[in-house]
């Protein structure tokens, strides 16, 4: 069993939260830190400050998707379970055991997330994952509990559509056997790669879940602030990527409509005085269309499709804006 933390800089977060990970109450646990192109490199400081931590150093920033994919190919495949944690996540000592127990009781479960609470307001759900991710009929993602206080309303285990990459437990057998070792697609770089992963796992017959007996505390926005235009770019572009790559043939008609649904979002951003975000949205569409024309996107034929019509039927919203 391994816990893997991807870091691009973020030494202050590691100093603050890595001790809680090392205090996890679980036998034979290996903790890895991937230094994803940090300048200066983190390895010398980690060796001095946290000598029991295993370090993997990459000379350039491969993004969340590329960094974890490279690690999985090199080392991650050797562990039966992998827990991916953001560097700005604090965990209590008992956070891992309920997740492992759920995996052992449910052999067709490939991915699990804990209850993700805010580090700053510990009785509230944090934006990135909260109580488990959903996808509406137009492909807009949301999460149960976003913006809510934790009053026990999500204290039952549940099937969800996607599990948050901020704190994600994976069964490596599912990735090796049914996804041919493709954990994340490196060209996503960051944002929505975990939704794509969970969709592919479901297409292969696996289940994704939420385990409320495990809870973690997430700061959020450590890699890219919610207000940054680049976040808007990745959110909109990668959302189109995952729809194009995962929609069932009978549901592909939804994609051009999704392109149109994004137009009000661009206008909304412009009227709110955020023209750089509107420009980022336009560039996201251009990047998607360029990748589509060049045939750079993946259409994996050997997996059965999960029709979008079986997903939660929420109305389209400006969820990709962080609202």
Protein backbone atom coordinates (compact mmCIF):
# COMPACT_ATOMS: atom_id res chain seq x y z
CA UNK A 1 0.00 0.00 0.00
CA UNK A 2 1.36 3.40 -0.98
CA UNK A 3 0.32 7.01 -0.51
CA UNK A 4 1.59 9.24 -3.31
CA UNK A 5 1.76 13.04 -3.15
CA UNK A 6 2.50 15.02 -6.29
CA UNK A 7 4.26 18.31 -5.58
CA UNK A 8 5.23 21.22 -7.79
CA UNK A 9 6.95 23.43 -5.26
CA UNK A 10 4.58 23.65 -2.31
CA UNK A 11 7.25 23.09 0.33
CA UNK A 12 5.17 24.96 2.90
CA UNK A 13 2.23 22.61 2.37
CA UNK A 14 4.47 19.53 2.72
CA UNK A 15 5.99 20.95 5.90
CA UNK A 16 2.53 21.46 7.34
CA UNK A 17 0.65 18.34 6.18
CA UNK A 18 3.15 15.58 5.41
CA UNK A 19 3.57 14.76 9.15
CA UNK A 20 -0.13 13.85 9.30
CA UNK A 21 0.29 11.44 6.37
CA UNK A 22 3.32 9.84 8.02
CA UNK A 23 1.25 9.39 11.19
CA UNK A 24 -1.35 7.29 9.31
CA UNK A 25 -2.37 4.24 11.34
CA UNK A 26 -1.77 1.53 8.75
CA UNK A 27 0.92 -1.18 8.60
CA UNK A 28 3.50 -1.43 5.82
CA UNK A 29 2.58 1.94 4.38
CA UNK A 30 5.00 3.55 1.93
CA UNK A 31 4.76 7.32 1.42
CA UNK A 32 6.03 8.75 -1.86
CA UNK A 33 6.50 12.38 -2.87
CA UNK A 34 6.79 13.09 -6.59
CA UNK A 35 8.79 16.23 -7.20
CA UNK A 36 7.19 17.39 -10.43
CA UNK A 37 9.81 19.82 -11.71
CA UNK A 38 10.18 21.98 -8.59
CA UNK A 39 12.82 24.70 -8.57
CA UNK A 40 14.73 24.28 -6.35
CA UNK A 41 14.30 20.48 -6.19
CA UNK A 42 12.56 19.11 -3.12
CA UNK A 43 14.64 15.94 -2.72
CA UNK A 44 17.52 17.36 -0.58
CA UNK A 45 15.10 19.07 1.80
CA UNK A 46 12.84 15.99 2.03
CA UNK A 47 15.84 13.73 2.74
CA UNK A 48 16.79 15.96 5.66
CA UNK A 49 13.33 16.79 7.00
CA UNK A 50 11.43 13.54 6.25
CA UNK A 51 14.01 10.78 5.75
CA UNK A 52 11.45 7.94 5.65
CA UNK A 53 9.67 9.39 2.63
CA UNK A 54 10.46 7.92 -0.80
CA UNK A 55 11.10 10.58 -3.45
CA UNK A 56 10.77 10.49 -7.22
CA UNK A 57 12.12 13.55 -9.05
CA UNK A 58 11.10 14.62 -12.55
CA UNK A 59 13.06 17.44 -14.22
CA UNK A 60 9.98 19.19 -15.66
CA UNK A 61 6.43 19.87 -14.57
CA UNK A 62 4.31 17.17 -16.23
CA UNK A 63 1.09 18.38 -14.63
CA UNK A 64 -1.11 16.35 -12.32
CA UNK A 65 -2.02 13.91 -15.08
CA UNK A 66 1.45 13.43 -16.54
CA UNK A 67 3.28 13.25 -13.21
CA UNK A 68 1.04 10.57 -11.75
CA UNK A 69 0.94 8.61 -15.01
CA UNK A 70 4.74 8.50 -15.19
CA UNK A 71 4.96 7.40 -11.57
CA UNK A 72 2.37 4.69 -12.15
CA UNK A 73 4.34 3.31 -15.09
CA UNK A 74 7.59 3.34 -13.11
CA UNK A 75 6.55 2.34 -9.58
CA UNK A 76 2.83 2.60 -8.89
CA UNK A 77 1.80 -0.62 -10.63
CA UNK A 78 3.68 -2.64 -7.97
CA UNK A 79 1.23 -1.74 -5.16
CA UNK A 80 -2.22 -3.35 -4.91
CA UNK A 81 -3.71 -0.06 -3.68
CA UNK A 82 -2.60 3.50 -4.36
CA UNK A 83 -3.82 6.55 -2.46
CA UNK A 84 -3.28 9.83 -4.30
CA UNK A 85 -3.24 12.91 -2.07
CA UNK A 86 -2.85 16.59 -2.83
CA UNK A 87 -0.03 18.24 -0.92
CA UNK A 88 -2.52 20.57 0.82
CA UNK A 89 -4.51 17.76 2.46
CA UNK A 90 -4.39 16.98 6.17
CA UNK A 91 -5.41 13.47 7.23
CA UNK A 92 -6.30 12.03 10.67
CA UNK A 93 -4.52 8.80 11.71
CA UNK A 94 -7.51 6.56 10.91
CA UNK A 95 -8.40 7.96 7.47
CA UNK A 96 -7.11 5.01 5.43
CA UNK A 97 -8.58 1.98 7.19
CA UNK A 98 -12.27 2.55 6.23
CA UNK A 99 -11.26 2.95 2.58
CA UNK A 100 -9.25 -0.29 2.56
CA UNK A 101 -12.03 -2.13 4.40
CA UNK A 102 -14.51 -1.02 1.75
CA UNK A 103 -12.22 -2.21 -1.05
CA UNK A 104 -11.79 -5.60 0.60
CA UNK A 105 -15.55 -5.98 1.10
CA UNK A 106 -16.41 -4.88 -2.47
CA UNK A 107 -14.06 -6.47 -5.03
CA UNK A 108 -15.63 -4.62 -7.98
CA UNK A 109 -14.90 -1.23 -6.42
CA UNK A 110 -12.01 0.44 -8.30
CA UNK A 111 -11.94 3.95 -6.81
CA UNK A 112 -13.02 5.53 -3.53
CA UNK A 113 -12.91 8.99 -2.05
CA UNK A 114 -13.35 10.01 1.59
CA UNK A 115 -15.49 12.82 2.91
CA UNK A 116 -13.52 15.93 1.90
CA UNK A 117 -13.95 18.78 4.36
CA UNK A 118 -12.48 22.26 4.35
CA UNK A 119 -9.26 22.70 6.28
CA UNK A 120 -10.19 26.33 6.94
CA UNK A 121 -13.77 25.58 8.07
CA UNK A 122 -13.69 22.01 9.30
CA UNK A 123 -17.45 21.54 9.57
CA UNK A 124 -18.01 22.49 5.90
CA UNK A 125 -17.51 20.50 2.73
CA UNK A 126 -14.60 21.55 0.54
CA UNK A 127 -15.25 22.35 -3.10
CA UNK A 128 -12.94 19.73 -4.68
CA UNK A 129 -14.94 16.53 -4.29
CA UNK A 130 -16.96 17.16 -1.12
CA UNK A 131 -19.16 14.05 -0.74
CA UNK A 132 -18.60 12.61 -4.21
CA UNK A 133 -18.81 13.74 -7.81
CA UNK A 134 -21.74 13.70 -10.24
CA UNK A 135 -22.08 14.53 -13.92
CA UNK A 136 -25.25 15.93 -15.45
CA UNK A 137 -26.80 15.04 -18.81
CA UNK A 138 -24.76 17.74 -20.57
CA UNK A 139 -21.50 16.68 -18.97
CA UNK A 140 -21.17 19.45 -16.39
CA UNK A 141 -19.56 18.12 -13.19
CA UNK A 142 -20.60 18.92 -9.66
CA UNK A 143 -20.17 17.32 -6.24
CA UNK A 144 -22.61 16.49 -3.50
CA UNK A 145 -22.28 18.83 -0.55
CA UNK A 146 -20.48 21.71 -2.25
CA UNK A 147 -21.16 24.87 -0.26
CA UNK A 148 -22.90 22.95 2.53
CA UNK A 149 -22.19 22.44 6.21
CA UNK A 150 -21.60 18.84 7.22
CA UNK A 151 -24.68 18.00 9.29
CA UNK A 152 -24.58 14.25 8.65
CA UNK A 153 -26.60 14.48 5.43
CA UNK A 154 -23.92 12.51 3.54
CA UNK A 155 -23.00 9.97 6.20
CA UNK A 156 -24.02 6.90 4.18
CA UNK A 157 -21.71 5.15 1.70
CA UNK A 158 -22.74 5.82 -1.88
CA UNK A 159 -22.00 5.08 -5.50
CA UNK A 160 -20.80 8.22 -7.26
CA UNK A 161 -19.81 9.03 -10.81
CA UNK A 162 -16.36 10.42 -10.08
CA UNK A 163 -14.05 10.49 -7.08
CA UNK A 164 -11.92 13.56 -6.38
CA UNK A 165 -8.24 13.50 -7.23
CA UNK A 166 -7.56 15.51 -4.07
CA UNK A 167 -7.88 12.28 -2.05
CA UNK A 168 -8.35 9.18 -4.16
CA UNK A 169 -7.85 5.49 -3.37
CA UNK A 170 -7.34 3.25 -6.42
CA UNK A 171 -7.25 -0.49 -7.04
CA UNK A 172 -4.28 -0.91 -9.37
CA UNK A 173 -5.55 -4.24 -10.72
CA UNK A 174 -8.39 -2.40 -12.46
CA UNK A 175 -6.00 0.02 -14.16
CA UNK A 176 -3.49 -2.62 -15.19
CA UNK A 177 -5.98 -5.20 -16.43
CA UNK A 178 -8.83 -3.19 -17.91
CA UNK A 179 -7.28 0.21 -18.70
CA UNK A 180 -3.99 -1.24 -19.98
CA UNK A 181 -2.01 0.77 -17.48
CA UNK A 182 -3.43 4.16 -18.46
CA UNK A 183 -4.09 5.89 -15.15
CA UNK A 184 -4.32 9.48 -16.43
CA UNK A 185 -3.96 10.89 -19.94
CA UNK A 186 -0.94 13.24 -19.83
CA UNK A 187 -2.42 15.70 -22.36
CA UNK A 188 -5.11 16.67 -19.82
CA UNK A 189 -2.24 18.14 -17.75
CA UNK A 190 -4.52 19.14 -14.87
CA UNK A 191 -8.25 19.17 -14.04
CA UNK A 192 -10.87 16.52 -14.88
CA UNK A 193 -8.38 13.72 -15.46
CA UNK A 194 -9.93 11.91 -12.48
CA UNK A 195 -13.41 12.22 -14.03
CA UNK A 196 -12.10 10.69 -17.24
CA UNK A 197 -10.45 7.90 -15.23
CA UNK A 198 -13.62 7.13 -13.28
CA UNK A 199 -15.71 7.14 -16.46
CA UNK A 200 -13.30 4.69 -18.15
CA UNK A 201 -13.36 2.45 -15.09
CA UNK A 202 -17.15 2.36 -15.15
CA UNK A 203 -17.12 1.58 -18.86
CA UNK A 204 -14.96 -1.43 -17.94
CA UNK A 205 -17.49 -2.62 -15.34
CA UNK A 206 -15.97 -1.19 -12.13
CA UNK A 207 -17.73 0.92 -9.51
CA UNK A 208 -16.74 4.27 -7.98
CA UNK A 209 -17.65 5.09 -4.39
CA UNK A 210 -17.77 7.53 -1.50
CA UNK A 211 -16.80 6.37 1.98
CA UNK A 212 -17.96 8.79 4.74
CA UNK A 213 -16.24 6.95 7.60
CA UNK A 214 -13.00 8.33 6.19
CA UNK A 215 -12.56 12.09 6.26
CA UNK A 216 -9.76 14.42 5.22
CA UNK A 217 -9.27 18.19 5.29
CA UNK A 218 -8.36 20.04 2.10
CA UNK A 219 -7.14 23.63 1.73
CA UNK A 220 -7.89 23.84 -2.00
CA UNK A 221 -6.42 26.00 -4.74
CA UNK A 222 -2.81 25.18 -3.87
CA UNK A 223 -1.79 24.40 -7.45
CA UNK A 224 -3.97 26.92 -9.30
CA UNK A 225 -6.29 29.45 -7.70
CA UNK A 226 -9.98 29.34 -8.56
CA UNK A 227 -9.75 32.90 -9.90
CA UNK A 228 -6.92 32.15 -12.36
CA UNK A 229 -7.92 32.24 -16.07
CA UNK A 230 -5.78 29.16 -16.74
CA UNK A 231 -8.10 27.19 -14.46
CA UNK A 232 -11.03 28.26 -16.64
CA UNK A 233 -9.10 27.10 -19.71
CA UNK A 234 -8.35 23.63 -18.34
CA UNK A 235 -11.83 23.16 -16.92
CA UNK A 236 -13.63 23.90 -20.19
CA UNK A 237 -11.13 22.26 -22.54
CA UNK A 238 -10.74 19.06 -20.54
CA UNK A 239 -14.49 18.79 -20.02
CA UNK A 240 -14.88 18.69 -23.81
CA UNK A 241 -12.03 16.17 -24.03
CA UNK A 242 -13.67 13.75 -21.62
CA UNK A 243 -17.09 14.02 -23.31
CA UNK A 244 -15.66 13.41 -26.77
CA UNK A 245 -13.65 10.44 -25.54
CA UNK A 246 -16.27 8.76 -23.35
CA UNK A 247 -19.73 9.46 -24.75
CA UNK A 248 -21.61 6.46 -26.08
CA UNK A 249 -22.18 6.61 -29.85
CA UNK A 250 -25.88 7.31 -29.29
CA UNK A 251 -25.08 10.26 -27.04
CA UNK A 252 -22.49 12.05 -29.15
CA UNK A 253 -25.12 14.47 -30.43
CA UNK A 254 -24.81 16.15 -27.03
CA UNK A 255 -21.31 17.45 -27.74
CA UNK A 256 -22.18 20.24 -30.26
CA UNK A 257 -24.96 21.32 -27.92
CA UNK A 258 -22.41 21.50 -25.10
CA UNK A 259 -20.28 23.81 -27.21
CA UNK A 260 -23.31 26.09 -27.53
CA UNK A 261 -24.14 25.83 -23.81
CA UNK A 262 -20.70 27.27 -23.04
CA UNK A 263 -21.52 30.52 -24.88
CA UNK A 264 -23.68 31.91 -22.03
CA UNK A 265 -20.84 31.10 -19.64
CA UNK A 266 -18.48 33.25 -21.70
CA UNK A 267 -20.98 36.11 -21.72
CA UNK A 268 -21.52 35.75 -17.97
CA UNK A 269 -17.79 36.05 -17.35
CA UNK A 270 -17.54 39.09 -19.58
CA UNK A 271 -20.43 40.84 -17.85
CA UNK A 272 -18.86 40.07 -14.47
CA UNK A 273 -15.75 41.99 -15.52
CA UNK A 274 -13.60 38.91 -16.16
CA UNK A 275 -12.64 39.24 -19.83
CA UNK A 276 -9.48 37.16 -19.39
CA UNK A 277 -11.67 34.24 -18.34
CA UNK A 278 -13.91 34.72 -21.38
CA UNK A 279 -10.79 34.64 -23.55
CA UNK A 280 -9.62 31.47 -21.72
CA UNK A 281 -12.96 29.82 -22.53
CA UNK A 282 -12.62 30.72 -26.22
CA UNK A 283 -9.06 29.36 -26.25
CA UNK A 284 -10.33 26.16 -24.57
CA UNK A 285 -12.78 25.59 -27.43
CA UNK A 286 -10.07 26.33 -30.00
CA UNK A 287 -7.69 23.87 -28.32
CA UNK A 288 -10.35 21.15 -28.26
CA UNK A 289 -11.26 21.65 -31.93
CA UNK A 290 -7.56 21.64 -32.89
CA UNK A 291 -6.97 18.36 -31.03
CA UNK A 292 -10.10 16.86 -32.59
CA UNK A 293 -9.11 17.85 -36.14
CA UNK A 294 -5.61 16.43 -35.67
CA UNK A 295 -6.94 13.14 -34.26
CA UNK A 296 -5.06 13.55 -30.98
CA UNK A 297 -7.89 12.48 -28.69
CA UNK A 298 -8.58 8.95 -27.49
CA UNK A 299 -11.57 6.86 -28.46
CA UNK A 300 -10.97 3.55 -26.69
CA UNK A 301 -13.04 0.93 -28.53
CA UNK A 302 -12.36 -2.07 -26.31
CA UNK A 303 -14.36 -0.75 -23.35
CA UNK A 304 -18.16 -0.73 -23.16
CA UNK A 305 -19.67 2.75 -23.01
CA UNK A 306 -21.73 3.95 -20.06
CA UNK A 307 -24.55 5.96 -21.66
CA UNK A 308 -24.78 9.52 -20.47
CA UNK A 309 -28.54 9.09 -20.12
CA UNK A 310 -27.95 7.01 -16.98
CA UNK A 311 -26.25 9.88 -15.17
CA UNK A 312 -27.84 12.37 -12.83
CA UNK A 313 -30.33 14.53 -14.68
CA UNK A 314 -29.38 17.97 -13.40
CA UNK A 315 -30.00 21.09 -15.42
CA UNK A 316 -27.01 22.78 -17.09
CA UNK A 317 -25.26 25.26 -14.79
CA UNK A 318 -22.10 27.32 -14.82
CA UNK A 319 -20.32 24.67 -12.75
CA UNK A 320 -17.04 24.95 -14.63
CA UNK A 321 -16.74 28.52 -13.43
CA UNK A 322 -16.53 27.45 -9.82
CA UNK A 323 -20.09 28.52 -9.10
